[in-house]
PDB file of all heavy atoms in Angstrom:
ATOM      1  N   PRO A   1       0.819  -1.219   0.000  1.00  0.00           N
ATOM      2  CA  PRO A   1       0.000   0.000   0.000  1.00  0.00           C
ATOM      3  C   PRO A   1       0.852   1.267   0.000  1.00  0.00           C
ATOM      4  O   PRO A   1       1.939   1.302   0.587  1.00  0.00           O
ATOM      5  CB  PRO A   1      -0.806  -0.124   1.305  1.00  0.00           C
ATOM      6  CG  PRO A   1      -0.790  -1.580   1.628  1.00  0.00           C
ATOM      7  CD  PRO A   1       0.532  -2.091   1.144  1.00  0.00           C
ATOM      8  N   ALA A   2       0.332   2.300  -0.624  1.00  0.00           N
ATOM      9  CA  ALA A   2       1.047   3.574  -0.688  1.00  0.00           C
ATOM     10  C   ALA A   2       1.311   4.132   0.700  1.00  0.00           C
ATOM     11  O   ALA A   2       2.339   4.773   0.936  1.00  0.00           O
ATOM     12  CB  ALA A   2       0.249   4.578  -1.520  1.00  0.00           C
ATOM     13  N   VAL A   3       0.398   3.883   1.638  1.00  0.00           N
ATOM     14  CA  VAL A   3       0.589   4.401   2.999  1.00  0.00           C
ATOM     15  C   VAL A   3       1.810   3.764   3.654  1.00  0.00           C
ATOM     16  O   VAL A   3       2.514   4.418   4.433  1.00  0.00           O
ATOM     17  CB  VAL A   3      -0.679   4.160   3.855  1.00  0.00           C
ATOM     18  CG1 VAL A   3      -0.941   2.662   4.038  1.00  0.00           C
ATOM     19  CG2 VAL A   3      -0.569   4.865   5.189  1.00  0.00           C
ATOM     20  N   ASP A   4       2.090   2.497   3.340  1.00  0.00           N
ATOM     21  CA  ASP A   4       3.265   1.826   3.898  1.00  0.00           C
ATOM     22  C   ASP A   4       4.548   2.374   3.281  1.00  0.00           C
ATOM     23  O   ASP A   4       5.574   2.509   3.962  1.00  0.00           O
ATOM     24  CB  ASP A   4       3.182   0.322   3.673  1.00  0.00           C
ATOM     25  CG  ASP A   4       2.133  -0.342   4.561  1.00  0.00           C
ATOM     26  OD1 ASP A   4       1.675   0.312   5.514  1.00  0.00           O
ATOM     27  OD2 ASP A   4       1.794  -1.509   4.295  1.00  0.00           O
ATOM     28  N   VAL A   5       4.491   2.684   1.996  1.00  0.00           N
ATOM     29  CA  VAL A   5       5.657   3.286   1.350  1.00  0.00           C
ATOM     30  C   VAL A   5       5.939   4.658   1.949  1.00  0.00           C
ATOM     31  O   VAL A   5       7.090   5.012   2.226  1.00  0.00           O
ATOM     32  CB  VAL A   5       5.439   3.400  -0.173  1.00  0.00           C
ATOM     33  CG1 VAL A   5       6.590   4.165  -0.824  1.00  0.00           C
ATOM     34  CG2 VAL A   5       5.322   2.018  -0.799  1.00  0.00           C
ATOM     35  N   ARG A   6       4.883   5.439   2.195  1.00  0.00           N
ATOM     36  CA  ARG A   6       5.059   6.773   2.800  1.00  0.00           C
ATOM     37  C   ARG A   6       5.648   6.650   4.199  1.00  0.00           C
ATOM     38  O   ARG A   6       6.506   7.443   4.592  1.00  0.00           O
ATOM     39  CB  ARG A   6       3.721   7.517   2.858  1.00  0.00           C
ATOM     40  CG  ARG A   6       3.261   8.055   1.514  1.00  0.00           C
ATOM     41  CD  ARG A   6       2.195   9.121   1.692  1.00  0.00           C
ATOM     42  NE  ARG A   6       1.015   8.603   2.377  1.00  0.00           N
ATOM     43  CZ  ARG A   6      -0.004   8.030   1.763  1.00  0.00           C
ATOM     44  NH1 ARG A   6       0.013   7.878   0.440  1.00  0.00           N
ATOM     45  NH2 ARG A   6      -1.050   7.599   2.448  1.00  0.00           N
ATOM     46  N   ARG A   7       5.177   5.665   4.953  1.00  0.00           N
ATOM     47  CA  ARG A   7       5.715   5.468   6.303  1.00  0.00           C
ATOM     48  C   ARG A   7       7.199   5.140   6.250  1.00  0.00           C
ATOM     49  O   ARG A   7       7.996   5.644   7.045  1.00  0.00           O
ATOM     50  CB  ARG A   7       4.962   4.345   7.027  1.00  0.00           C
ATOM     51  CG  ARG A   7       5.484   4.074   8.439  1.00  0.00           C
ATOM     52  CD  ARG A   7       4.726   2.981   9.132  1.00  0.00           C
ATOM     53  NE  ARG A   7       4.867   1.697   8.464  1.00  0.00           N
ATOM     54  CZ  ARG A   7       4.468   0.537   9.018  1.00  0.00           C
ATOM     55  NH1 ARG A   7       3.923   0.513  10.209  1.00  0.00           N
ATOM     56  NH2 ARG A   7       4.630  -0.590   8.345  1.00  0.00           N
ATOM     57  N   MET A   8       7.581   4.318   5.297  1.00  0.00           N
ATOM     58  CA  MET A   8       8.987   3.951   5.128  1.00  0.00           C
ATOM     59  C   MET A   8       9.817   5.174   4.747  1.00  0.00           C
ATOM     60  O   MET A   8      10.927   5.369   5.249  1.00  0.00           O
ATOM     61  CB  MET A   8       9.089   2.874   4.061  1.00  0.00           C
ATOM     62  CG  MET A   8      10.431   2.178   3.965  1.00  0.00           C
ATOM     63  SD  MET A   8      10.305   0.783   2.822  1.00  0.00           S
ATOM     64  CE  MET A   8      12.055   0.384   2.653  1.00  0.00           C
ATOM     65  N   LEU A   9       9.279   6.022   3.872  1.00  0.00           N
ATOM     66  CA  LEU A   9       9.974   7.245   3.481  1.00  0.00           C
ATOM     67  C   LEU A   9      10.133   8.190   4.665  1.00  0.00           C
ATOM     68  O   LEU A   9      11.173   8.829   4.839  1.00  0.00           O
ATOM     69  CB  LEU A   9       9.220   7.939   2.346  1.00  0.00           C
ATOM     70  CG  LEU A   9       9.294   7.262   0.974  1.00  0.00           C
ATOM     71  CD1 LEU A   9       8.288   7.891   0.012  1.00  0.00           C
ATOM     72  CD2 LEU A   9      10.710   7.365   0.406  1.00  0.00           C
ATOM     73  N   GLU A  10       9.105   8.279   5.507  1.00  0.00           N
ATOM     74  CA  GLU A  10       9.188   9.130   6.698  1.00  0.00           C
ATOM     75  C   GLU A  10      10.239   8.609   7.670  1.00  0.00           C
ATOM     76  O   GLU A  10      11.006   9.390   8.244  1.00  0.00           O
ATOM     77  CB  GLU A  10       7.814   9.195   7.381  1.00  0.00           C
ATOM     78  CG  GLU A  10       6.781   9.979   6.583  1.00  0.00           C
ATOM     79  CD  GLU A  10       5.374   9.806   7.131  1.00  0.00           C
ATOM     80  OE1 GLU A  10       5.211   9.047   8.127  1.00  0.00           O
ATOM     81  OE2 GLU A  10       4.439  10.410   6.581  1.00  0.00           O
ATOM     82  N   ASP A  11      10.273   7.292   7.872  1.00  0.00           N
ATOM     83  CA  ASP A  11      11.290   6.697   8.754  1.00  0.00           C
ATOM     84  C   ASP A  11      12.702   6.966   8.213  1.00  0.00           C
ATOM     85  O   ASP A  11      13.625   7.287   8.973  1.00  0.00           O
ATOM     86  CB  ASP A  11      11.078   5.184   8.876  1.00  0.00           C
ATOM     87  CG  ASP A  11       9.835   4.819   9.674  1.00  0.00           C
ATOM     88  OD1 ASP A  11       9.352   5.672  10.429  1.00  0.00           O
ATOM     89  OD2 ASP A  11       9.354   3.680   9.520  1.00  0.00           O
ATOM     90  N   ALA A  12      12.842   6.841   6.886  1.00  0.00           N
ATOM     91  CA  ALA A  12      14.148   7.070   6.266  1.00  0.00           C
ATOM     92  C   ALA A  12      14.597   8.509   6.431  1.00  0.00           C
ATOM     93  O   ALA A  12      15.765   8.778   6.753  1.00  0.00           O
ATOM     94  CB  ALA A  12      14.087   6.704   4.783  1.00  0.00           C
ATOM     95  N   GLU A  13      13.678   9.447   6.236  1.00  0.00           N
ATOM     96  CA  GLU A  13      14.033  10.866   6.348  1.00  0.00           C
ATOM     97  C   GLU A  13      14.372  11.232   7.790  1.00  0.00           C
ATOM     98  O   GLU A  13      15.310  11.998   8.042  1.00  0.00           O
ATOM     99  CB  GLU A  13      12.887  11.741   5.843  1.00  0.00           C
ATOM    100  CG  GLU A  13      13.169  13.231   5.923  1.00  0.00           C
ATOM    101  CD  GLU A  13      14.468  13.641   5.251  1.00  0.00           C
ATOM    102  OE1 GLU A  13      14.812  13.068   4.196  1.00  0.00           O
ATOM    103  OE2 GLU A  13      15.171  14.523   5.802  1.00  0.00           O
ATOM    104  N   GLU A  14      13.631  10.696   8.758  1.00  0.00           N
ATOM    105  CA  GLU A  14      13.929  11.003  10.153  1.00  0.00           C
ATOM    106  C   GLU A  14      15.299  10.468  10.546  1.00  0.00           C
ATOM    107  O   GLU A  14      16.070  11.136  11.236  1.00  0.00           O
ATOM    108  CB  GLU A  14      12.858  10.433  11.084  1.00  0.00           C
ATOM    109  CG  GLU A  14      13.098  10.828  12.543  1.00  0.00           C
ATOM    110  CD  GLU A  14      12.001  10.391  13.478  1.00  0.00           C
ATOM    111  OE1 GLU A  14      11.106   9.619  13.059  1.00  0.00           O
ATOM    112  OE2 GLU A  14      12.033  10.819  14.644  1.00  0.00           O
ATOM    113  N   PHE A  15      15.620   9.251  10.102  1.00  0.00           N
ATOM    114  CA  PHE A  15      16.921   8.680  10.428  1.00  0.00           C
ATOM    115  C   PHE A  15      18.037   9.497   9.789  1.00  0.00           C
ATOM    116  O   PHE A  15      19.063   9.772  10.419  1.00  0.00           O
ATOM    117  CB  PHE A  15      17.008   7.225   9.954  1.00  0.00           C
ATOM    118  CG  PHE A  15      18.235   6.516  10.444  1.00  0.00           C
ATOM    119  CD1 PHE A  15      18.255   5.908  11.690  1.00  0.00           C
ATOM    120  CD2 PHE A  15      19.384   6.456   9.670  1.00  0.00           C
ATOM    121  CE1 PHE A  15      19.387   5.256  12.151  1.00  0.00           C
ATOM    122  CE2 PHE A  15      20.529   5.810  10.117  1.00  0.00           C
ATOM    123  CZ  PHE A  15      20.528   5.205  11.368  1.00  0.00           C
ATOM    124  N   ALA A  16      17.864   9.896   8.530  1.00  0.00           N
ATOM    125  CA  ALA A  16      18.869  10.706   7.854  1.00  0.00           C
ATOM    126  C   ALA A  16      19.050  12.046   8.561  1.00  0.00           C
ATOM    127  O   ALA A  16      20.177  12.534   8.720  1.00  0.00           O
ATOM    128  CB  ALA A  16      18.475  10.925   6.395  1.00  0.00           C
ATOM    129  N   SER A  17      17.958  12.651   9.023  1.00  0.00           N
ATOM    130  CA  SER A  17      18.047  13.911   9.766  1.00  0.00           C
ATOM    131  C   SER A  17      18.808  13.731  11.067  1.00  0.00           C
ATOM    132  O   SER A  17      19.607  14.587  11.462  1.00  0.00           O
ATOM    133  CB  SER A  17      16.633  14.449  10.053  1.00  0.00           C
ATOM    134  OG  SER A  17      15.965  14.779   8.866  1.00  0.00           O
ATOM    135  N   ALA A  18      18.553  12.607  11.749  1.00  0.00           N
ATOM    136  CA  ALA A  18      19.242  12.336  13.012  1.00  0.00           C
ATOM    137  C   ALA A  18      20.745  12.192  12.798  1.00  0.00           C
ATOM    138  O   ALA A  18      21.552  12.673  13.611  1.00  0.00           O
ATOM    139  CB  ALA A  18      18.677  11.076  13.663  1.00  0.00           C
ATOM    140  N   GLN A  19      21.141  11.564  11.700  1.00  0.00           N
ATOM    141  CA  GLN A  19      22.574  11.408  11.431  1.00  0.00           C
ATOM    142  C   GLN A  19      23.221  12.738  11.051  1.00  0.00           C
ATOM    143  O   GLN A  19      24.363  13.007  11.441  1.00  0.00           O
ATOM    144  CB  GLN A  19      22.794  10.366  10.335  1.00  0.00           C
ATOM    145  CG  GLN A  19      22.352   8.964  10.708  1.00  0.00           C
ATOM    146  CD  GLN A  19      22.896   8.520  12.062  1.00  0.00           C
ATOM    147  OE1 GLN A  19      24.087   8.602  12.334  1.00  0.00           O
ATOM    148  NE2 GLN A  19      22.006   8.050  12.936  1.00  0.00           N
ATOM    149  N   ARG A  20      22.514  13.589  10.319  1.00  0.00           N
ATOM    150  CA  ARG A  20      23.045  14.932  10.021  1.00  0.00           C
ATOM    151  C   ARG A  20      23.212  15.724  11.306  1.00  0.00           C
ATOM    152  O   ARG A  20      24.218  16.420  11.506  1.00  0.00           O
ATOM    153  CB  ARG A  20      22.104  15.674   9.065  1.00  0.00           C
ATOM    154  CG  ARG A  20      22.098  15.135   7.644  1.00  0.00           C
ATOM    155  CD  ARG A  20      21.444  16.113   6.686  1.00  0.00           C
ATOM    156  NE  ARG A  20      20.038  16.316   6.987  1.00  0.00           N
ATOM    157  CZ  ARG A  20      19.052  15.583   6.475  1.00  0.00           C
ATOM    158  NH1 ARG A  20      19.335  14.587   5.647  1.00  0.00           N
ATOM    159  NH2 ARG A  20      17.797  15.829   6.778  1.00  0.00           N
ATOM    160  N   PHE A  21      22.238  15.630  12.181  1.00  0.00           N
ATOM    161  CA  PHE A  21      22.273  16.297  13.478  1.00  0.00           C
ATOM    162  C   PHE A  21      23.493  15.839  14.285  1.00  0.00           C
ATOM    163  O   PHE A  21      24.246  16.661  14.816  1.00  0.00           O
ATOM    164  CB  PHE A  21      20.975  15.970  14.212  1.00  0.00           C
ATOM    165  CG  PHE A  21      20.915  16.393  15.653  1.00  0.00           C
ATOM    166  CD1 PHE A  21      20.610  17.700  15.996  1.00  0.00           C
ATOM    167  CD2 PHE A  21      21.140  15.471  16.660  1.00  0.00           C
ATOM    168  CE1 PHE A  21      20.526  18.083  17.331  1.00  0.00           C
ATOM    169  CE2 PHE A  21      21.057  15.831  17.987  1.00  0.00           C
ATOM    170  CZ  PHE A  21      20.756  17.146  18.323  1.00  0.00           C
ATOM    171  N   ARG A  22      23.685  14.533  14.344  1.00  0.00           N
ATOM    172  CA  ARG A  22      24.807  13.995  15.126  1.00  0.00           C
ATOM    173  C   ARG A  22      26.150  14.436  14.544  1.00  0.00           C
ATOM    174  O   ARG A  22      27.056  14.838  15.273  1.00  0.00           O
ATOM    175  CB  ARG A  22      24.715  12.474  15.165  1.00  0.00           C
ATOM    176  CG  ARG A  22      25.814  11.817  15.991  1.00  0.00           C
ATOM    177  CD  ARG A  22      25.795  10.320  15.844  1.00  0.00           C
ATOM    178  NE  ARG A  22      26.859   9.708  16.638  1.00  0.00           N
ATOM    179  CZ  ARG A  22      27.273   8.465  16.499  1.00  0.00           C
ATOM    180  NH1 ARG A  22      26.714   7.680  15.601  1.00  0.00           N
ATOM    181  NH2 ARG A  22      28.238   7.990  17.247  1.00  0.00           N
ATOM    182  N   ARG A  23      26.282  14.354  13.217  1.00  0.00           N
ATOM    183  CA  ARG A  23      27.552  14.742  12.589  1.00  0.00           C
ATOM    184  C   ARG A  23      27.875  16.214  12.827  1.00  0.00           C
ATOM    185  O   ARG A  23      29.002  16.563  13.191  1.00  0.00           O
ATOM    186  CB  ARG A  23      27.502  14.462  11.075  1.00  0.00           C
ATOM    187  CG  ARG A  23      27.523  13.001  10.695  1.00  0.00           C
ATOM    188  CD  ARG A  23      27.883  12.816   9.235  1.00  0.00           C
ATOM    189  NE  ARG A  23      27.031  13.567   8.336  1.00  0.00           N
ATOM    190  CZ  ARG A  23      25.863  13.121   7.867  1.00  0.00           C
ATOM    191  NH1 ARG A  23      25.410  11.942   8.242  1.00  0.00           N
ATOM    192  NH2 ARG A  23      25.164  13.838   7.016  1.00  0.00           N
ATOM    193  N   LYS A  24      26.898  17.074  12.619  1.00  0.00           N
ATOM    194  CA  LYS A  24      27.146  18.515  12.777  1.00  0.00           C
ATOM    195  C   LYS A  24      27.526  18.853  14.218  1.00  0.00           C
ATOM    196  O   LYS A  24      28.438  19.641  14.471  1.00  0.00           O
ATOM    197  CB  LYS A  24      25.903  19.315  12.362  1.00  0.00           C
ATOM    198  CG  LYS A  24      25.748  19.472  10.862  1.00  0.00           C
ATOM    199  CD  LYS A  24      24.544  20.331  10.544  1.00  0.00           C
ATOM    200  CE  LYS A  24      24.433  20.585   9.047  1.00  0.00           C
ATOM    201  NZ  LYS A  24      25.527  21.468   8.570  1.00  0.00           N
ATOM    202  N   TRP A  25      26.834  18.232  15.171  1.00  0.00           N
ATOM    203  CA  TRP A  25      27.102  18.550  16.572  1.00  0.00           C
ATOM    204  C   TRP A  25      28.466  18.022  16.996  1.00  0.00           C
ATOM    205  O   TRP A  25      29.237  18.718  17.648  1.00  0.00           O
ATOM    206  CB  TRP A  25      26.000  17.982  17.455  1.00  0.00           C
ATOM    207  CG  TRP A  25      25.914  18.669  18.797  1.00  0.00           C
ATOM    208  CD1 TRP A  25      26.856  19.504  19.342  1.00  0.00           C
ATOM    209  CD2 TRP A  25      24.848  18.591  19.728  1.00  0.00           C
ATOM    210  NE1 TRP A  25      26.439  19.943  20.574  1.00  0.00           N
ATOM    211  CE2 TRP A  25      25.199  19.403  20.825  1.00  0.00           C
ATOM    212  CE3 TRP A  25      23.638  17.927  19.750  1.00  0.00           C
ATOM    213  CZ2 TRP A  25      24.388  19.554  21.940  1.00  0.00           C
ATOM    214  CZ3 TRP A  25      22.823  18.080  20.854  1.00  0.00           C
ATOM    215  CH2 TRP A  25      23.192  18.875  21.938  1.00  0.00           C
ATOM    216  N   ASN A  26      28.790  16.797  16.620  1.00  0.00           N
ATOM    217  CA  ASN A  26      30.087  16.246  16.998  1.00  0.00           C
ATOM    218  C   ASN A  26      31.234  16.948  16.269  1.00  0.00           C
ATOM    219  O   ASN A  26      32.326  17.088  16.827  1.00  0.00           O
ATOM    220  CB  ASN A  26      30.120  14.743  16.741  1.00  0.00           C
ATOM    221  CG  ASN A  26      29.526  13.950  17.894  1.00  0.00           C
ATOM    222  OD1 ASN A  26      29.563  14.392  19.040  1.00  0.00           O
ATOM    223  ND2 ASN A  26      28.966  12.792  17.600  1.00  0.00           N
ATOM    224  N   ASP A  27      30.999  17.412  15.046  1.00  0.00           N
ATOM    225  CA  ASP A  27      32.020  18.206  14.354  1.00  0.00           C
ATOM    226  C   ASP A  27      32.314  19.484  15.137  1.00  0.00           C
ATOM    227  O   ASP A  27      33.473  19.901  15.268  1.00  0.00           O
ATOM    228  CB  ASP A  27      31.565  18.569  12.941  1.00  0.00           C
ATOM    229  CG  ASP A  27      31.638  17.391  11.984  1.00  0.00           C
ATOM    230  OD1 ASP A  27      32.259  16.370  12.345  1.00  0.00           O
ATOM    231  OD2 ASP A  27      31.069  17.492  10.881  1.00  0.00           O
ATOM    232  N   LEU A  28      31.271  20.086  15.667  1.00  0.00           N
ATOM    233  CA  LEU A  28      31.442  21.302  16.463  1.00  0.00           C
ATOM    234  C   LEU A  28      32.216  21.002  17.738  1.00  0.00           C
ATOM    235  O   LEU A  28      33.128  21.745  18.118  1.00  0.00           O
ATOM    236  CB  LEU A  28      30.077  21.889  16.802  1.00  0.00           C
ATOM    237  CG  LEU A  28      30.083  23.143  17.673  1.00  0.00           C
ATOM    238  CD1 LEU A  28      30.631  24.331  16.910  1.00  0.00           C
ATOM    239  CD2 LEU A  28      28.677  23.446  18.183  1.00  0.00           C
ATOM    240  N   CYS A  29      31.858  19.901  18.401  1.00  0.00           N
ATOM    241  CA  CYS A  29      32.552  19.526  19.639  1.00  0.00           C
ATOM    242  C   CYS A  29      34.033  19.268  19.376  1.00  0.00           C
ATOM    243  O   CYS A  29      34.905  19.704  20.141  1.00  0.00           O
ATOM    244  CB  CYS A  29      31.899  18.289  20.256  1.00  0.00           C
ATOM    245  SG  CYS A  29      30.213  18.527  20.832  1.00  0.00           S
ATOM    246  N   GLU A  30      34.329  18.544  18.299  1.00  0.00           N
ATOM    247  CA  GLU A  30      35.717  18.207  17.983  1.00  0.00           C
ATOM    248  C   GLU A  30      36.525  19.448  17.612  1.00  0.00           C
ATOM    249  O   GLU A  30      37.730  19.531  17.874  1.00  0.00           O
ATOM    250  CB  GLU A  30      35.753  17.197  16.842  1.00  0.00           C
ATOM    251  CG  GLU A  30      35.236  15.819  17.243  1.00  0.00           C
ATOM    252  CD  GLU A  30      35.083  14.892  16.057  1.00  0.00           C
ATOM    253  OE1 GLU A  30      35.484  15.304  14.942  1.00  0.00           O
ATOM    254  OE2 GLU A  30      34.575  13.774  16.240  1.00  0.00           O
ATOM    255  N   ALA A  31      35.860  20.433  17.002  1.00  0.00           N
ATOM    256  CA  ALA A  31      36.558  21.655  16.619  1.00  0.00           C
ATOM    257  C   ALA A  31      36.850  22.549  17.817  1.00  0.00           C
ATOM    258  O   ALA A  31      37.665  23.471  17.730  1.00  0.00           O
ATOM    259  CB  ALA A  31      35.741  22.425  15.586  1.00  0.00           C
ATOM    260  N   GLY A  32      36.175  22.265  18.940  1.00  0.00           N
ATOM    261  CA  GLY A  32      36.412  23.052  20.140  1.00  0.00           C
ATOM    262  C   GLY A  32      35.910  24.473  20.034  1.00  0.00           C
ATOM    263  O   GLY A  32      36.414  25.383  20.699  1.00  0.00           O
ATOM    264  N   LEU A  33      34.883  24.689  19.215  1.00  0.00           N
ATOM    265  CA  LEU A  33      34.397  26.052  19.011  1.00  0.00           C
ATOM    266  C   LEU A  33      33.534  26.545  20.171  1.00  0.00           C
ATOM    267  O   LEU A  33      33.364  27.740  20.352  1.00  0.00           O
ATOM    268  CB  LEU A  33      33.586  26.114  17.711  1.00  0.00           C
ATOM    269  CG  LEU A  33      34.356  25.756  16.435  1.00  0.00           C
ATOM    270  CD1 LEU A  33      33.426  25.857  15.219  1.00  0.00           C
ATOM    271  CD2 LEU A  33      35.544  26.704  16.245  1.00  0.00           C
ATOM    272  N   GLU A  34      32.986  25.605  20.924  1.00  0.00           N
ATOM    273  CA  GLU A  34      32.073  26.017  21.983  1.00  0.00           C
ATOM    274  C   GLU A  34      32.792  26.535  23.228  1.00  0.00           C
ATOM    275  O   GLU A  34      32.281  27.365  23.943  1.00  0.00           O
ATOM    276  CB  GLU A  34      31.172  24.844  22.390  1.00  0.00           C
ATOM    277  CG  GLU A  34      30.005  24.613  21.457  1.00  0.00           C
ATOM    278  CD  GLU A  34      28.905  25.631  21.644  1.00  0.00           C
ATOM    279  OE1 GLU A  34      29.053  26.508  22.509  1.00  0.00           O
ATOM    280  OE2 GLU A  34      27.916  25.574  20.911  1.00  0.00           O
ATOM    281  N   PHE A  35      33.970  26.042  23.501  1.00  0.00           N
ATOM    282  CA  PHE A  35      34.622  26.441  24.743  1.00  0.00           C
ATOM    283  C   PHE A  35      36.137  26.292  24.609  1.00  0.00           C
ATOM    284  O   PHE A  35      36.626  25.448  23.877  1.00  0.00           O
ATOM    285  CB  PHE A  35      34.125  25.614  25.937  1.00  0.00           C
ATOM    286  CG  PHE A  35      33.810  24.189  25.607  1.00  0.00           C
ATOM    287  CD1 PHE A  35      34.823  23.249  25.520  1.00  0.00           C
ATOM    288  CD2 PHE A  35      32.509  23.787  25.364  1.00  0.00           C
ATOM    289  CE1 PHE A  35      34.543  21.928  25.204  1.00  0.00           C
ATOM    290  CE2 PHE A  35      32.234  22.470  25.044  1.00  0.00           C
ATOM    291  CZ  PHE A  35      33.245  21.540  24.969  1.00  0.00           C
ATOM    292  N   ASP A  36      36.874  27.123  25.307  1.00  0.00           N
ATOM    293  CA  ASP A  36      38.334  27.107  25.262  1.00  0.00           C
ATOM    294  C   ASP A  36      38.850  27.150  26.699  1.00  0.00           C
ATOM    295  O   ASP A  36      38.788  28.190  27.356  1.00  0.00           O
ATOM    296  CB  ASP A  36      38.844  28.300  24.463  1.00  0.00           C
ATOM    297  CG  ASP A  36      40.364  28.297  24.343  1.00  0.00           C
ATOM    298  OD1 ASP A  36      40.960  27.226  24.555  1.00  0.00           O
ATOM    299  OD2 ASP A  36      40.923  29.357  24.050  1.00  0.00           O
ATOM    300  N   GLU A  37      39.341  25.996  27.177  1.00  0.00           N
ATOM    301  CA  GLU A  37      39.828  25.852  28.554  1.00  0.00           C
ATOM    302  C   GLU A  37      38.847  26.474  29.554  1.00  0.00           C
ATOM    303  O   GLU A  37      39.180  27.420  30.283  1.00  0.00           O
ATOM    304  CB  GLU A  37      41.206  26.513  28.680  1.00  0.00           C
ATOM    305  CG  GLU A  37      42.255  25.851  27.798  1.00  0.00           C
ATOM    306  CD  GLU A  37      43.626  26.477  27.989  1.00  0.00           C
ATOM    307  OE1 GLU A  37      43.729  27.418  28.808  1.00  0.00           O
ATOM    308  OE2 GLU A  37      44.570  26.029  27.333  1.00  0.00           O
ATOM    309  N   PRO A  38      37.618  25.969  29.598  1.00  0.00           N
ATOM    310  CA  PRO A  38      36.599  26.588  30.447  1.00  0.00           C
ATOM    311  C   PRO A  38      36.776  26.254  31.921  1.00  0.00           C
ATOM    312  O   PRO A  38      37.452  25.296  32.285  1.00  0.00           O
ATOM    313  CB  PRO A  38      35.304  25.969  29.906  1.00  0.00           C
ATOM    314  CG  PRO A  38      35.737  24.603  29.464  1.00  0.00           C
ATOM    315  CD  PRO A  38      37.124  24.783  28.908  1.00  0.00           C
TER     316      PRO A  38
END
């Protein structure tokens, strides 16, 4: 059913968003931009 395909697409997009979120945040942490010898 089309509704099942849409659900799968929604799950895929949410997972992809979560991985973008994790990468961007950890890149910031590794760069040390948030704090310097706090």
